[in-house]
Amino acid sequence: MKKVVIGMSGGVDSSVAAIILKNQGYDVIGLFMRNWDASVNNDINGNPTLNNNICPQEQDYNDALKVCEKIGIPLHRVDFVKEYWDYVFTYFLDELKKGRTPNPDIMCNKYIKFDMFAKEAIKLGADYIATGHYARMKDGKLLRGLDTNKDQTYFLSQVTKKQLENVLFPIGDLQKPEVRKIATDYGLITAEKKDSTGICFIGERNFKNFLTNYLPNIPGDIVNIDTKEVIGKHIGLMYYTIGQRRGLNIGGTENRIFVVGKDLEKNILYIADSTKEDYLLSDSCLIDSVNLLTDEKIEKCSAKFRYRQPDNNVILEYLDNGNILVKYPQMVKSVTPGQACVLYNGEECIGGGIIKEVYKNNEKIKYL
């Protein structure tokens, strides 16, 4: 009997994935990862976030334990707090300092779930590892999950081809309502549990309040990029992203303006009138940290520059230094440095990279 070690998060997706694996005849072992120390995940008053007097991660562990007991599989627990801090959270802070918009969940998959976790699974004798991601593996190819609203291949784009060997995605063929129905039929405590959203180490809290514990809050001017007029004050460039319309705190104008750029040296946040959407448009971008899941150099494919964004047709130019110039002459809005550019050949995710620079008409957009 083949042994599978599955990452149990305390959510409904991993719960049902474990059921499916057991029903398929595998010897299933659950493994819960503790990636964040709740004692450093404090609110603005310095107090740990509590959920019925239990921190959220402990509640997730308790839920995972109850699920494993219910379906009859063992649950192990492993501590990756230091590794998560070193490889994910530090990256997150460094990117914010550069004025970029990082996606730490992508790095968590690369360094924690499909690296540290996999090594721990091998210690437990695993033939395969499994997760509750909405994705599929077929003939060594990473395919989108069939639930197009939940497909998570975007977040797997930095996981290497080697790391994806011997990986199972048991719920990749299911729709979310089907997953919840299975959990309900088995009477699992996670059946109606709300999906986690946002960045795991921030949780249900104010993003700004959390970040002030780690990065200095340096207010500065909000400037109209056309008139050069100072129209307000920002609370720190790290709190804003390109295309953002809300939360600018400029009385009565928020529906009529949006963020178009940042000047880190002068600590200026640039905005434009909502009729000036040309400022958000670009026709190409340079991606580095390229991870390809195919040996074929595909020149025409599609790309997502943000999660759940519709596919954009692109042309790829492979550079000698390993970077890729991604061209989209039809123009795309709000392509943002620091975000992932994820590449698809039909249903297959062929990898991606991190957006380094953005261009329009062969010129780098200055404040991106």
Foldseek 3Di string as FASTA:
>chain_A
DAEEEEEQQLALLSLLLQVLCVVVPHQYAYEYEAAADQQLQAFLVSHRDADVNHHPSVNSVVLSCQSCVLSPHYYHYDYNNVVCCVFQVVVCVVQLLVLFHADSLLRCVARPVLPVVVVVVVVVVHPAYEYSAQWAADPLFIFFQPQLVRTDVQSPQLHASVSCPRYGHRCSPDHPVVSLVVCVVSPRPNSPPDDFDDDVSNGPGDPVSSCVVPDPFDKDFEAAPPVRDGQDIDRASSVFAFFDQPDRPRPPCSVFKTWLFADSVRGYTYMYTPVPQVSFKFFKFKFPSWHFSDPDDDFWFWKDLDPPDDTAIWGWDQDPVRIIITGGRVIDGRNTANTWIWTDHVRTTGHTGGTHFTHHPPDTSPGD
